[in-house]
Each structure stands twice: as C-alpha cells, then as structure tokens.
Amino acid sequence: MERYTECPIGEISQIALQGSGDYEINVEDASILNINYSQNTLTINPIAKGITKISVYDKITKNIANSTVTVSYTHLTLPTN
C-alpha cells in the first residue's frame, strides 16, 4: 500500500492488498472517506475534502501498513482557446 494517496471526491479508488487476507482496517477520520474491504482489495470512497490516515493490520503476519490520504475536489480541465 502506498504511503500517500490522493483521491478526488466522487472518484472511487481501489488498492490491492498483499498478505494473509485477515485484516483489521482503520480510518482515522471516517467523515472524510469510507473504506470497504473485499477479496484483498480496499475500495476508497472519498466523501469530504480533507486529510486522513488508513491503517491496515495483518492479523496473521502482524505487519502494519499506513497510508495518508488527501481527499480533494475533482480537478476540472477547461479548454483553452
């Protein structure tokens, strides 16, 4: 899992996990994003602008992975004339 991830609001991101498959997953501030876990994949659904941390603890190997997630507004590209 990357140590830093940026996710625009409204764009769902997925992160593949490599490990035992038996995880404890924590989000520091659940008002910023929702996390769903299924089949070794974390699905990140950003819901509010801000910065939070995700922690994934592998209960079998005892490894911990942490990532800081910045949720921003969707980038808008304007045409130039």
Protein backbone atom coordinates (compact mmCIF):
# COMPACT_ATOMS: atom_id res chain seq x y z
CA MET A 1 0.00 0.00 0.00
CA GLU A 2 1.37 3.42 -0.93
CA ARG A 3 2.30 5.76 1.91
CA TYR A 4 0.47 8.67 0.26
CA THR A 5 -2.64 8.64 -1.91
CA GLU A 6 -4.70 11.47 -3.39
CA CYS A 7 -8.36 10.84 -4.17
CA PRO A 8 -10.73 13.41 -5.68
CA ILE A 9 -14.28 13.48 -4.27
CA GLY A 10 -16.56 11.30 -6.39
CA GLU A 11 -13.77 9.10 -7.78
CA ILE A 12 -13.63 5.68 -6.16
CA SER A 13 -10.13 4.18 -5.87
CA GLN A 14 -9.04 0.61 -5.25
CA ILE A 15 -5.89 -0.66 -3.57
CA ALA A 16 -4.81 -4.31 -3.80
CA LEU A 17 -3.52 -5.75 -0.52
CA GLN A 18 -0.90 -8.48 -0.34
CA GLY A 19 -0.97 -10.52 2.82
CA SER A 20 -2.91 -13.14 4.71
CA GLY A 21 -6.35 -11.72 3.91
CA ASP A 22 -7.21 -11.41 7.62
CA TYR A 23 -7.00 -7.66 8.28
CA GLU A 24 -8.05 -5.04 10.75
CA ILE A 25 -8.65 -1.79 8.85
CA ASN A 26 -8.96 1.61 10.49
CA VAL A 27 -9.66 5.08 9.11
CA GLU A 28 -8.58 7.95 11.32
CA ASP A 29 -11.41 10.26 10.18
CA ALA A 30 -14.39 8.42 8.70
CA SER A 31 -16.11 11.72 7.86
CA ILE A 32 -13.57 12.15 5.01
CA LEU A 33 -13.78 8.73 3.36
CA ASN A 34 -15.42 5.34 3.53
CA ILE A 35 -13.46 2.11 3.16
CA ASN A 36 -14.82 -1.24 2.04
CA TYR A 37 -12.74 -4.42 2.01
CA SER A 38 -13.41 -7.46 -0.18
CA GLN A 39 -11.17 -10.13 -1.69
CA ASN A 40 -7.83 -8.45 -0.79
CA THR A 41 -8.98 -5.12 -2.25
CA LEU A 42 -9.63 -1.88 -0.37
CA THR A 43 -12.19 0.36 -2.04
CA ILE A 44 -11.83 4.01 -1.07
CA ASN A 45 -14.89 6.24 -1.45
CA PRO A 46 -13.95 9.88 -0.76
CA ILE A 47 -16.85 11.88 0.71
CA ALA A 48 -15.37 15.16 2.00
CA LYS A 49 -12.30 17.30 1.43
CA GLY A 50 -9.53 16.72 3.97
CA ILE A 51 -6.61 14.54 5.02
CA THR A 52 -6.87 11.29 6.96
CA LYS A 53 -4.89 8.12 7.55
CA ILE A 54 -5.68 4.49 6.76
CA SER A 55 -4.08 1.72 8.81
CA VAL A 56 -4.15 -1.92 7.72
CA TYR A 57 -3.05 -4.53 10.27
CA ASP A 58 -2.48 -8.10 9.07
CA LYS A 59 -3.65 -10.26 11.97
CA ILE A 60 -1.65 -13.31 10.84
CA THR A 61 1.73 -11.78 9.86
CA LYS A 62 1.45 -8.88 12.37
CA ASN A 63 2.52 -6.42 9.64
CA ILE A 64 1.09 -2.90 9.59
CA ALA A 65 0.73 -0.64 6.55
CA ASN A 66 -0.19 3.02 6.88
CA SER A 67 -1.23 5.49 4.21
CA THR A 68 -2.07 9.17 4.32
CA VAL A 69 -4.99 10.01 2.04
CA THR A 70 -5.71 13.52 0.79
CA VAL A 71 -9.24 13.99 -0.49
CA SER A 72 -9.62 16.96 -2.82
CA TYR A 73 -12.24 18.41 -5.08
CA THR A 74 -12.38 16.89 -8.56
CA HIS A 75 -9.93 18.58 -10.89
CA LEU A 76 -11.67 20.42 -13.69
CA THR A 77 -9.89 20.81 -17.01
CA LEU A 78 -11.02 23.77 -19.08
CA PRO A 79 -10.39 24.02 -22.80
CA THR A 80 -8.06 26.75 -23.97
CA ASN A 81 -8.81 28.89 -26.99
